[in-house]
Amino acid sequence: MLQVKLIVTGDDFGYCPRRNQGIVDCFLAGAVSNVSLLVNGSAAADAAKLARRHNIPIGLHANLSEGSPVCEVLKTNSSLLNQDGFFHGKMGFRTALSKGLLNMSEVKQELKAQVELFRELTGHLPPHMDGHQHIHVLPEVRHVFAEVLQEYGIKYTRVPIEPGLHNCDWIPPALMDFYLGVEEDSFNTVDVFTHHGIRLVVKPKHGGVQALHPAAECQRRAAGTFQSDPRLQPFPEAFGARSCCVVPERAPGTTAVEGGCRAQPDPPVPSSDPRPPHRQGET
């Protein structure tokens, strides 16, 4: 019988103080087993301190879509920035990518800068690294992302493949189109990551389908996906077992108005996870 390990990750750690505290509270209560740090978040340094204080396993939530770069040379005159000097946003990043407007050498430069800042904040390299708003599975970006993981010896990432997504008739058509696009990008990413020796963890994209079921049911469904889809067969075992990673897309503390990633909010996008308000330019 295929055993599946359930990993529950609190994303966007470092986004703001209230979100930090909410995620820590969840960890202490046993509801979260791991966190993923936004190093360009306004409360990233505090988040790193909290992880050390409470011995919370922590990885990197690489961000190329919200806020500002951490690489100094990319903070002005970069293809990663919009006319206001911030990242292009969740959908803006995808639009710029599809038009061939993003310089992949700058993508790599910023990813490496975020790994280095993570090491500075935590004292170690991230054991796992994924992309904020799933940018790491996008065409072109996936190759650069895999190269950075391999260069730093980061062994794990996750892919937002959600068993049962096609059967969710309660999801509005516009959202379903977006989710299916993310899932297709994820399937197309599998060979890229495995070629670079990266171990993969399956993650439900919007915390919906599997998160609504008990943990045992989540594990059963994920195991069925590994067995039924040949594209998932090459997955190495992750964290001691092939894994289902349920990550609440709306992290604890999202009612906070302070903090963020030093940016104005994205324009309306097809997402069930609206971001809390930001203060433009806040540090």
C-alpha atoms as a PDB file:
ATOM      1  CA  MET A   1       0.000   0.000   0.000  1.00  0.00           C
ATOM      2  CA  LEU A   2       1.349   3.417  -0.952  1.00  0.00           C
ATOM      3  CA  GLN A   3       1.912   5.574   2.118  1.00  0.00           C
ATOM      4  CA  VAL A   4       1.380   9.313   1.810  1.00  0.00           C
ATOM      5  CA  LYS A   5       2.730  11.885   4.212  1.00  0.00           C
ATOM      6  CA  LEU A   6       0.543  14.935   4.746  1.00  0.00           C
ATOM      7  CA  ILE A   7       2.481  18.207   4.964  1.00  0.00           C
ATOM      8  CA  VAL A   8       0.557  21.347   5.927  1.00  0.00           C
ATOM      9  CA  THR A   9       2.462  24.519   5.049  1.00  0.00           C
ATOM     10  CA  GLY A  10       1.694  28.067   6.123  1.00  0.00           C
ATOM     11  CA  ASP A  11       2.540  30.221   3.092  1.00  0.00           C
ATOM     12  CA  ASP A  12       3.406  33.923   3.050  1.00  0.00           C
ATOM     13  CA  PHE A  13       5.231  33.821   6.385  1.00  0.00           C
ATOM     14  CA  GLY A  14       6.742  37.285   6.735  1.00  0.00           C
ATOM     15  CA  TYR A  15       3.897  39.088   4.973  1.00  0.00           C
ATOM     16  CA  CYS A  16       2.801  41.052   8.043  1.00  0.00           C
ATOM     17  CA  PRO A  17       2.987  40.728  11.862  1.00  0.00           C
ATOM     18  CA  ARG A  18      -0.567  39.439  12.296  1.00  0.00           C
ATOM     19  CA  ARG A  19      -0.115  36.787   9.649  1.00  0.00           C
ATOM     20  CA  ASN A  20       3.150  35.754  11.275  1.00  0.00           C
ATOM     21  CA  GLN A  21       1.441  35.321  14.618  1.00  0.00           C
ATOM     22  CA  GLY A  22      -1.504  33.475  13.094  1.00  0.00           C
ATOM     23  CA  ILE A  23       0.808  30.977  11.411  1.00  0.00           C
ATOM     24  CA  VAL A  24       2.831  30.502  14.601  1.00  0.00           C
ATOM     25  CA  ASP A  25      -0.375  29.894  16.548  1.00  0.00           C
ATOM     26  CA  CYS A  26      -1.378  27.258  13.992  1.00  0.00           C
ATOM     27  CA  PHE A  27       2.030  25.584  14.275  1.00  0.00           C
ATOM     28  CA  LEU A  28       1.892  25.493  18.073  1.00  0.00           C
ATOM     29  CA  ALA A  29      -1.610  24.026  17.871  1.00  0.00           C
ATOM     30  CA  GLY A  30      -0.400  21.271  15.548  1.00  0.00           C
ATOM     31  CA  ALA A  31      -2.399  22.474  12.548  1.00  0.00           C
ATOM     32  CA  VAL A  32       0.654  23.540  10.506  1.00  0.00           C
ATOM     33  CA  SER A  33       3.827  21.477  10.136  1.00  0.00           C
ATOM     34  CA  ASN A  34       5.969  23.808   8.068  1.00  0.00           C
ATOM     35  CA  VAL A  35       6.161  27.420   6.843  1.00  0.00           C
ATOM     36  CA  SER A  36       7.246  29.175   3.664  1.00  0.00           C
ATOM     37  CA  LEU A  37       8.937  32.576   3.970  1.00  0.00           C
ATOM     38  CA  LEU A  38       8.412  35.657   1.790  1.00  0.00           C
ATOM     39  CA  VAL A  39      11.799  37.325   2.167  1.00  0.00           C
ATOM     40  CA  ASN A  40      10.536  40.569   0.616  1.00  0.00           C
ATOM     41  CA  GLY A  41       7.633  40.744   3.062  1.00  0.00           C
ATOM     42  CA  SER A  42       7.555  43.645   5.486  1.00  0.00           C
ATOM     43  CA  ALA A  43       7.789  41.279   8.483  1.00  0.00           C
ATOM     44  CA  ALA A  44      10.292  38.755   7.077  1.00  0.00           C
ATOM     45  CA  ALA A  45      12.979  39.365   9.701  1.00  0.00           C
ATOM     46  CA  ASP A  46      10.447  38.941  12.500  1.00  0.00           C
ATOM     47  CA  ALA A  47       9.169  35.746  10.870  1.00  0.00           C
ATOM     48  CA  ALA A  48      12.676  34.285  10.773  1.00  0.00           C
ATOM     49  CA  LYS A  49      13.112  35.050  14.477  1.00  0.00           C
ATOM     50  CA  LEU A  50       9.780  33.395  15.283  1.00  0.00           C
ATOM     51  CA  ALA A  51      10.783  30.288  13.330  1.00  0.00           C
ATOM     52  CA  ARG A  52      14.009  30.034  15.338  1.00  0.00           C
ATOM     53  CA  ARG A  53      12.239  30.640  18.638  1.00  0.00           C
ATOM     54  CA  HIS A  54       9.630  27.947  18.043  1.00  0.00           C
ATOM     55  CA  ASN A  55      11.777  25.533  15.987  1.00  0.00           C
ATOM     56  CA  ILE A  56       9.452  25.805  12.994  1.00  0.00           C
ATOM     57  CA  PRO A  57      10.691  24.121   9.786  1.00  0.00           C
ATOM     58  CA  ILE A  58      10.993  26.903   7.222  1.00  0.00           C
ATOM     59  CA  GLY A  59      11.473  27.085   3.462  1.00  0.00           C
ATOM     60  CA  LEU A  60      11.510  29.839   0.841  1.00  0.00           C
ATOM     61  CA  HIS A  61       8.395  31.181  -0.914  1.00  0.00           C
ATOM     62  CA  ALA A  62      10.174  32.858  -3.843  1.00  0.00           C
ATOM     63  CA  ASN A  63       8.303  35.962  -4.984  1.00  0.00           C
ATOM     64  CA  LEU A  64       8.531  37.535  -8.437  1.00  0.00           C
ATOM     65  CA  SER A  65       4.978  38.852  -8.663  1.00  0.00           C
ATOM     66  CA  GLU A  66       4.134  40.935  -5.599  1.00  0.00           C
ATOM     67  CA  GLY A  67       6.068  43.783  -4.037  1.00  0.00           C
ATOM     68  CA  SER A  68       9.645  44.738  -4.840  1.00  0.00           C
ATOM     69  CA  PRO A  69      12.866  42.867  -5.670  1.00  0.00           C
ATOM     70  CA  VAL A  70      15.453  42.238  -2.979  1.00  0.00           C
ATOM     71  CA  CYS A  71      18.291  42.406  -5.522  1.00  0.00           C
ATOM     72  CA  GLU A  72      19.570  45.981  -5.414  1.00  0.00           C
ATOM     73  CA  VAL A  73      20.475  46.212  -9.103  1.00  0.00           C
ATOM     74  CA  LEU A  74      16.959  45.134 -10.111  1.00  0.00           C
ATOM     75  CA  LYS A  75      15.108  47.763  -8.097  1.00  0.00           C
ATOM     76  CA  THR A  76      15.292  50.167 -11.054  1.00  0.00           C
ATOM     77  CA  ASN A  77      15.194  49.614 -14.810  1.00  0.00           C
ATOM     78  CA  SER A  78      14.348  45.901 -14.678  1.00  0.00           C
ATOM     79  CA  SER A  79      12.048  43.826 -16.876  1.00  0.00           C
ATOM     80  CA  LEU A  80      10.545  42.448 -13.650  1.00  0.00           C
ATOM     81  CA  LEU A  81       9.052  45.833 -12.721  1.00  0.00           C
ATOM     82  CA  ASN A  82       5.948  47.686 -13.861  1.00  0.00           C
ATOM     83  CA  GLN A  83       5.795  51.428 -14.502  1.00  0.00           C
ATOM     84  CA  ASP A  84       5.306  52.066 -10.772  1.00  0.00           C
ATOM     85  CA  GLY A  85       8.503  50.236  -9.847  1.00  0.00           C
ATOM     86  CA  PHE A  86       6.882  47.127  -8.387  1.00  0.00           C
ATOM     87  CA  PHE A  87       6.636  43.545  -9.609  1.00  0.00           C
ATOM     88  CA  HIS A  88       4.011  43.115 -12.339  1.00  0.00           C
ATOM     89  CA  GLY A  89       1.488  41.303 -10.141  1.00  0.00           C
ATOM     90  CA  LYS A  90      -0.074  37.867 -10.275  1.00  0.00           C
ATOM     91  CA  MET A  91      -1.646  38.249 -13.712  1.00  0.00           C
ATOM     92  CA  GLY A  92       0.644  41.015 -14.927  1.00  0.00           C
ATOM     93  CA  PHE A  93       3.647  38.716 -14.516  1.00  0.00           C
ATOM     94  CA  ARG A  94       1.947  36.087 -16.656  1.00  0.00           C
ATOM     95  CA  THR A  95       1.032  38.654 -19.293  1.00  0.00           C
ATOM     96  CA  ALA A  96       4.574  40.040 -19.450  1.00  0.00           C
ATOM     97  CA  LEU A  97       5.938  36.498 -19.705  1.00  0.00           C
ATOM     98  CA  SER A  98       3.591  35.571 -22.543  1.00  0.00           C
ATOM     99  CA  LYS A  99       4.687  38.681 -24.465  1.00  0.00           C
ATOM    100  CA  GLY A 100       8.357  37.835 -24.050  1.00  0.00           C
ATOM    101  CA  LEU A 101       9.006  40.929 -21.943  1.00  0.00           C
ATOM    102  CA  LEU A 102      10.778  39.234 -19.016  1.00  0.00           C
ATOM    103  CA  ASN A 103      14.540  38.805 -18.980  1.00  0.00           C
ATOM    104  CA  MET A 104      15.250  35.304 -17.652  1.00  0.00           C
ATOM    105  CA  SER A 105      18.719  36.325 -16.500  1.00  0.00           C
ATOM    106  CA  GLU A 106      17.027  38.884 -14.238  1.00  0.00           C
ATOM    107  CA  VAL A 107      14.610  36.219 -13.014  1.00  0.00           C
ATOM    108  CA  LYS A 108      17.572  34.063 -12.035  1.00  0.00           C
ATOM    109  CA  GLN A 109      19.378  37.018 -10.455  1.00  0.00           C
ATOM    110  CA  GLU A 110      16.383  37.823  -8.250  1.00  0.00           C
ATOM    111  CA  LEU A 111      15.773  34.191  -7.280  1.00  0.00           C
ATOM    112  CA  LYS A 112      19.393  33.824  -6.189  1.00  0.00           C
ATOM    113  CA  ALA A 113      19.198  37.103  -4.252  1.00  0.00           C
ATOM    114  CA  GLN A 114      16.148  35.792  -2.402  1.00  0.00           C
ATOM    115  CA  VAL A 115      17.940  32.550  -1.548  1.00  0.00           C
ATOM    116  CA  GLU A 116      20.867  34.554  -0.186  1.00  0.00           C
ATOM    117  CA  LEU A 117      18.560  36.804   1.857  1.00  0.00           C
ATOM    118  CA  PHE A 118      16.815  33.729   3.223  1.00  0.00           C
ATOM    119  CA  ARG A 119      20.215  32.403   4.318  1.00  0.00           C
ATOM    120  CA  GLU A 120      21.049  35.759   5.913  1.00  0.00           C
ATOM    121  CA  LEU A 121      17.751  35.837   7.823  1.00  0.00           C
ATOM    122  CA  THR A 122      17.666  32.207   8.950  1.00  0.00           C
ATOM    123  CA  GLY A 123      21.315  31.157   9.034  1.00  0.00           C
ATOM    124  CA  HIS A 124      20.818  28.298   6.577  1.00  0.00           C
ATOM    125  CA  LEU A 125      19.712  27.519   3.029  1.00  0.00           C
ATOM    126  CA  PRO A 126      16.048  26.659   2.491  1.00  0.00           C
ATOM    127  CA  PRO A 127      15.400  22.894   2.516  1.00  0.00           C
ATOM    128  CA  HIS A 128      12.533  23.538   0.103  1.00  0.00           C
ATOM    129  CA  MET A 129      11.607  26.390  -2.234  1.00  0.00           C
ATOM    130  CA  ASP A 130       8.497  27.144  -4.257  1.00  0.00           C
ATOM    131  CA  GLY A 131       6.964  30.132  -6.031  1.00  0.00           C
ATOM    132  CA  HIS A 132       4.534  32.699  -4.649  1.00  0.00           C
ATOM    133  CA  GLN A 133       1.373  32.603  -6.790  1.00  0.00           C
ATOM    134  CA  HIS A 134       2.831  29.546  -8.553  1.00  0.00           C
ATOM    135  CA  ILE A 135       5.244  31.475 -10.756  1.00  0.00           C
ATOM    136  CA  HIS A 136       7.760  28.609 -10.532  1.00  0.00           C
ATOM    137  CA  VAL A 137       5.734  26.337 -12.840  1.00  0.00           C
ATOM    138  CA  LEU A 138       5.340  28.881 -15.637  1.00  0.00           C
ATOM    139  CA  PRO A 139       7.055  28.371 -19.021  1.00  0.00           C
ATOM    140  CA  GLU A 140      10.681  29.560 -19.122  1.00  0.00           C
ATOM    141  CA  VAL A 141      10.608  30.408 -15.417  1.00  0.00           C
ATOM    142  CA  ARG A 142      10.442  26.712 -14.502  1.00  0.00           C
ATOM    143  CA  HIS A 143      13.799  26.071 -16.167  1.00  0.00           C
ATOM    144  CA  VAL A 144      15.513  28.965 -14.373  1.00  0.00           C
ATOM    145  CA  PHE A 145      13.882  27.970 -11.082  1.00  0.00           C
ATOM    146  CA  ALA A 146      15.133  24.385 -11.425  1.00  0.00           C
ATOM    147  CA  GLU A 147      18.652  25.621 -12.208  1.00  0.00           C
ATOM    148  CA  VAL A 148      18.716  27.761  -9.063  1.00  0.00           C
ATOM    149  CA  LEU A 149      17.500  24.863  -6.906  1.00  0.00           C
ATOM    150  CA  GLN A 150      20.179  22.616  -8.334  1.00  0.00           C
ATOM    151  CA  GLU A 151      22.939  25.214  -7.927  1.00  0.00           C
ATOM    152  CA  TYR A 152      22.124  25.663  -4.233  1.00  0.00           C
ATOM    153  CA  GLY A 153      21.436  21.995  -3.542  1.00  0.00           C
ATOM    154  CA  ILE A 154      17.805  22.675  -2.594  1.00  0.00           C
ATOM    155  CA  LYS A 155      16.201  19.258  -2.949  1.00  0.00           C
ATOM    156  CA  TYR A 156      12.466  19.908  -2.722  1.00  0.00           C
ATOM    157  CA  THR A 157       9.794  21.976  -4.406  1.00  0.00           C
ATOM    158  CA  ARG A 158       6.061  21.501  -4.832  1.00  0.00           C
ATOM    159  CA  VAL A 159       3.703  21.494  -7.787  1.00  0.00           C
ATOM    160  CA  PRO A 160       0.064  22.682  -7.579  1.00  0.00           C
ATOM    161  CA  ILE A 161      -1.624  19.572  -8.976  1.00  0.00           C
ATOM    162  CA  GLU A 162      -5.012  19.040  -7.397  1.00  0.00           C
ATOM    163  CA  PRO A 163      -6.659  15.623  -7.650  1.00  0.00           C
ATOM    164  CA  GLY A 164     -10.361  15.988  -8.368  1.00  0.00           C
ATOM    165  CA  LEU A 165     -10.159  19.552  -9.687  1.00  0.00           C
ATOM    166  CA  HIS A 166     -12.013  18.696 -12.901  1.00  0.00           C
ATOM    167  CA  ASN A 167     -14.996  17.483 -10.868  1.00  0.00           C
ATOM    168  CA  CYS A 168     -15.460  20.738  -8.933  1.00  0.00           C
ATOM    169  CA  ASP A 169     -18.517  22.131 -10.725  1.00  0.00           C
ATOM    170  CA  TRP A 170     -18.976  24.707  -7.952  1.00  0.00           C
ATOM    171  CA  ILE A 171     -15.924  26.673  -9.115  1.00  0.00           C
ATOM    172  CA  PRO A 172     -16.883  29.619 -11.395  1.00  0.00           C
ATOM    173  CA  PRO A 173     -15.789  29.124 -15.039  1.00  0.00           C
ATOM    174  CA  ALA A 174     -13.266  31.998 -15.019  1.00  0.00           C
ATOM    175  CA  LEU A 175     -11.580  30.604 -11.910  1.00  0.00           C
ATOM    176  CA  MET A 176     -11.675  27.066 -13.270  1.00  0.00           C
ATOM    177  CA  ASP A 177      -9.922  28.175 -16.456  1.00  0.00           C
ATOM    178  CA  PHE A 178      -7.167  29.764 -14.381  1.00  0.00           C
ATOM    179  CA  TYR A 179      -6.813  26.745 -12.074  1.00  0.00           C
ATOM    180  CA  LEU A 180      -6.682  24.321 -15.003  1.00  0.00           C
ATOM    181  CA  GLY A 181      -4.020  26.471 -16.628  1.00  0.00           C
ATOM    182  CA  VAL A 182      -1.921  26.339 -13.459  1.00  0.00           C
ATOM    183  CA  GLU A 183      -2.381  22.589 -13.262  1.00  0.00           C
ATOM    184  CA  GLU A 184      -1.333  22.109 -16.892  1.00  0.00           C
ATOM    185  CA  ASP A 185       1.758  24.246 -16.272  1.00  0.00           C
ATOM    186  CA  SER A 186       2.470  22.037 -13.269  1.00  0.00           C
ATOM    187  CA  PHE A 187       2.278  18.815 -15.284  1.00  0.00           C
ATOM    188  CA  ASN A 188       4.597  20.364 -17.876  1.00  0.00           C
ATOM    189  CA  THR A 189       7.032  21.208 -15.077  1.00  0.00           C
ATOM    190  CA  VAL A 190       7.440  17.656 -13.756  1.00  0.00           C
ATOM    191  CA  ASP A 191      10.102  16.545 -16.238  1.00  0.00           C
ATOM    192  CA  VAL A 192      12.046  19.801 -15.852  1.00  0.00           C
ATOM    193  CA  PHE A 193      12.383  19.477 -12.093  1.00  0.00           C
ATOM    194  CA  THR A 194      13.070  15.753 -12.093  1.00  0.00           C
ATOM    195  CA  HIS A 195      15.764  16.260 -14.752  1.00  0.00           C
ATOM    196  CA  HIS A 196      17.542  18.566 -12.282  1.00  0.00           C
ATOM    197  CA  GLY A 197      17.173  16.050  -9.450  1.00  0.00           C
ATOM    198  CA  ILE A 198      14.490  18.008  -7.598  1.00  0.00           C
ATOM    199  CA  ARG A 199      12.003  16.058  -5.504  1.00  0.00           C
ATOM    200  CA  LEU A 200       8.366  17.034  -5.939  1.00  0.00           C
ATOM    201  CA  VAL A 201       5.497  17.430  -3.499  1.00  0.00           C
ATOM    202  CA  VAL A 202       1.901  17.689  -4.692  1.00  0.00           C
ATOM    203  CA  LYS A 203       0.057  20.741  -3.415  1.00  0.00           C
ATOM    204  CA  PRO A 204      -3.636  21.585  -3.868  1.00  0.00           C
ATOM    205  CA  LYS A 205      -3.652  24.951  -5.604  1.00  0.00           C
ATOM    206  CA  HIS A 206      -6.282  26.880  -3.728  1.00  0.00           C
ATOM    207  CA  GLY A 207      -6.764  24.924  -0.532  1.00  0.00           C
ATOM    208  CA  GLY A 208     -10.209  23.842  -1.682  1.00  0.00           C
ATOM    209  CA  VAL A 209     -10.746  20.343  -2.978  1.00  0.00           C
ATOM    210  CA  GLN A 210      -8.597  18.337  -0.602  1.00  0.00           C
ATOM    211  CA  ALA A 211      -8.623  20.787   2.281  1.00  0.00           C
ATOM    212  CA  LEU A 212     -12.376  20.221   2.585  1.00  0.00           C
ATOM    213  CA  HIS A 213     -11.775  16.545   3.354  1.00  0.00           C
ATOM    214  CA  PRO A 214     -10.243  14.809   6.384  1.00  0.00           C
ATOM    215  CA  ALA A 215      -6.526  14.227   6.243  1.00  0.00           C
ATOM    216  CA  ALA A 216      -6.961  10.518   5.555  1.00  0.00           C
ATOM    217  CA  GLU A 217      -9.126  11.281   2.538  1.00  0.00           C
ATOM    218  CA  CYS A 218      -6.557  13.802   1.292  1.00  0.00           C
ATOM    219  CA  GLN A 219      -3.916  11.115   1.505  1.00  0.00           C
ATOM    220  CA  ARG A 220      -6.078   8.524  -0.252  1.00  0.00           C
ATOM    221  CA  ARG A 221      -6.814  10.895  -3.152  1.00  0.00           C
ATOM    222  CA  ALA A 222      -3.185  11.928  -3.539  1.00  0.00           C
ATOM    223  CA  ALA A 223      -2.098   8.278  -3.568  1.00  0.00           C
ATOM    224  CA  GLY A 224      -4.645   7.570  -6.289  1.00  0.00           C
ATOM    225  CA  THR A 225      -3.222  10.385  -8.376  1.00  0.00           C
ATOM    226  CA  PHE A 226       0.302   9.002  -8.161  1.00  0.00           C
ATOM    227  CA  GLN A 227      -0.956   5.570  -9.198  1.00  0.00           C
ATOM    228  CA  SER A 228      -3.250   6.675 -12.038  1.00  0.00           C
ATOM    229  CA  ASP A 229      -1.225   9.375 -13.812  1.00  0.00           C
ATOM    230  CA  PRO A 230       1.932   8.107 -15.528  1.00  0.00           C
ATOM    231  CA  ARG A 231       3.449  11.597 -15.499  1.00  0.00           C
ATOM    232  CA  LEU A 232       3.662  11.375 -11.719  1.00  0.00           C
ATOM    233  CA  GLN A 233       5.333   7.966 -11.589  1.00  0.00           C
ATOM    234  CA  PRO A 234       8.915   9.354 -11.889  1.00  0.00           C
ATOM    235  CA  PHE A 235       8.496  11.353  -8.671  1.00  0.00           C
ATOM    236  CA  PRO A 236      11.189  10.455  -6.135  1.00  0.00           C
ATOM    237  CA  GLU A 237       9.977   9.944  -2.606  1.00  0.00           C
ATOM    238  CA  ALA A 238       9.729  13.269  -0.817  1.00  0.00           C
ATOM    239  CA  PHE A 239      10.280  13.780   2.901  1.00  0.00           C
ATOM    240  CA  GLY A 240      10.431  10.022   3.423  1.00  0.00           C
ATOM    241  CA  ALA A 241       7.226   9.374   1.497  1.00  0.00           C
ATOM    242  CA  ARG A 242       5.396  10.496  -1.559  1.00  0.00           C
ATOM    243  CA  SER A 243       3.542  13.457  -0.247  1.00  0.00           C
ATOM    244  CA  CYS A 244       0.327  15.359  -0.416  1.00  0.00           C
ATOM    245  CA  CYS A 245       0.875  18.952   0.659  1.00  0.00           C
ATOM    246  CA  VAL A 246      -2.260  20.803   1.719  1.00  0.00           C
ATOM    247  CA  VAL A 247      -1.487  24.484   1.997  1.00  0.00           C
ATOM    248  CA  PRO A 248      -4.219  26.908   3.063  1.00  0.00           C
ATOM    249  CA  GLU A 249      -4.077  29.517   0.309  1.00  0.00           C
ATOM    250  CA  ARG A 250      -5.464  32.162   2.638  1.00  0.00           C
ATOM    251  CA  ALA A 251      -3.002  32.105   5.488  1.00  0.00           C
ATOM    252  CA  PRO A 252      -3.955  32.937   9.066  1.00  0.00           C
ATOM    253  CA  GLY A 253      -3.952  36.650   9.711  1.00  0.00           C
ATOM    254  CA  THR A 254      -5.192  37.832   6.315  1.00  0.00           C
ATOM    255  CA  THR A 255      -7.495  40.357   7.936  1.00  0.00           C
ATOM    256  CA  ALA A 256      -4.458  42.451   8.822  1.00  0.00           C
ATOM    257  CA  VAL A 257      -4.111  45.739   6.973  1.00  0.00           C
ATOM    258  CA  GLU A 258      -0.505  46.386   7.911  1.00  0.00           C
ATOM    259  CA  GLY A 259       2.484  44.836   6.199  1.00  0.00           C
ATOM    260  CA  GLY A 260       2.687  43.236   2.795  1.00  0.00           C
ATOM    261  CA  CYS A 261       5.472  43.077   0.253  1.00  0.00           C
ATOM    262  CA  ARG A 262       6.199  46.795  -0.014  1.00  0.00           C
ATOM    263  CA  ALA A 263       3.726  47.310  -2.836  1.00  0.00           C
ATOM    264  CA  GLN A 264       0.298  48.413  -3.851  1.00  0.00           C
ATOM    265  CA  PRO A 265      -2.213  45.569  -4.329  1.00  0.00           C
ATOM    266  CA  ASP A 266      -2.707  43.786  -7.625  1.00  0.00           C
ATOM    267  CA  PRO A 267      -5.665  44.848  -9.776  1.00  0.00           C
ATOM    268  CA  PRO A 268      -8.651  42.469  -9.663  1.00  0.00           C
ATOM    269  CA  VAL A 269      -7.630  39.008 -10.901  1.00  0.00           C
ATOM    270  CA  PRO A 270      -9.377  35.655 -11.286  1.00  0.00           C
ATOM    271  CA  SER A 271      -8.503  34.418  -7.826  1.00  0.00           C
ATOM    272  CA  SER A 272     -10.439  33.153  -4.831  1.00  0.00           C
ATOM    273  CA  ASP A 273      -7.699  34.538  -2.589  1.00  0.00           C
ATOM    274  CA  PRO A 274      -7.986  38.328  -2.491  1.00  0.00           C
ATOM    275  CA  ARG A 275      -4.966  39.953  -0.931  1.00  0.00           C
ATOM    276  CA  PRO A 276      -5.286  42.214   2.106  1.00  0.00           C
ATOM    277  CA  PRO A 277      -4.735  45.930   1.507  1.00  0.00           C
ATOM    278  CA  HIS A 278      -1.167  47.188   1.399  1.00  0.00           C
ATOM    279  CA  ARG A 279       0.351  50.552   2.006  1.00  0.00           C
ATOM    280  CA  GLN A 280       2.208  51.592  -1.080  1.00  0.00           C
ATOM    281  CA  GLY A 281       5.935  51.746  -0.466  1.00  0.00           C
ATOM    282  CA  GLU A 282       5.646  50.433   3.075  1.00  0.00           C
ATOM    283  CA  THR A 283       8.781  48.879   4.459  1.00  0.00           C
END
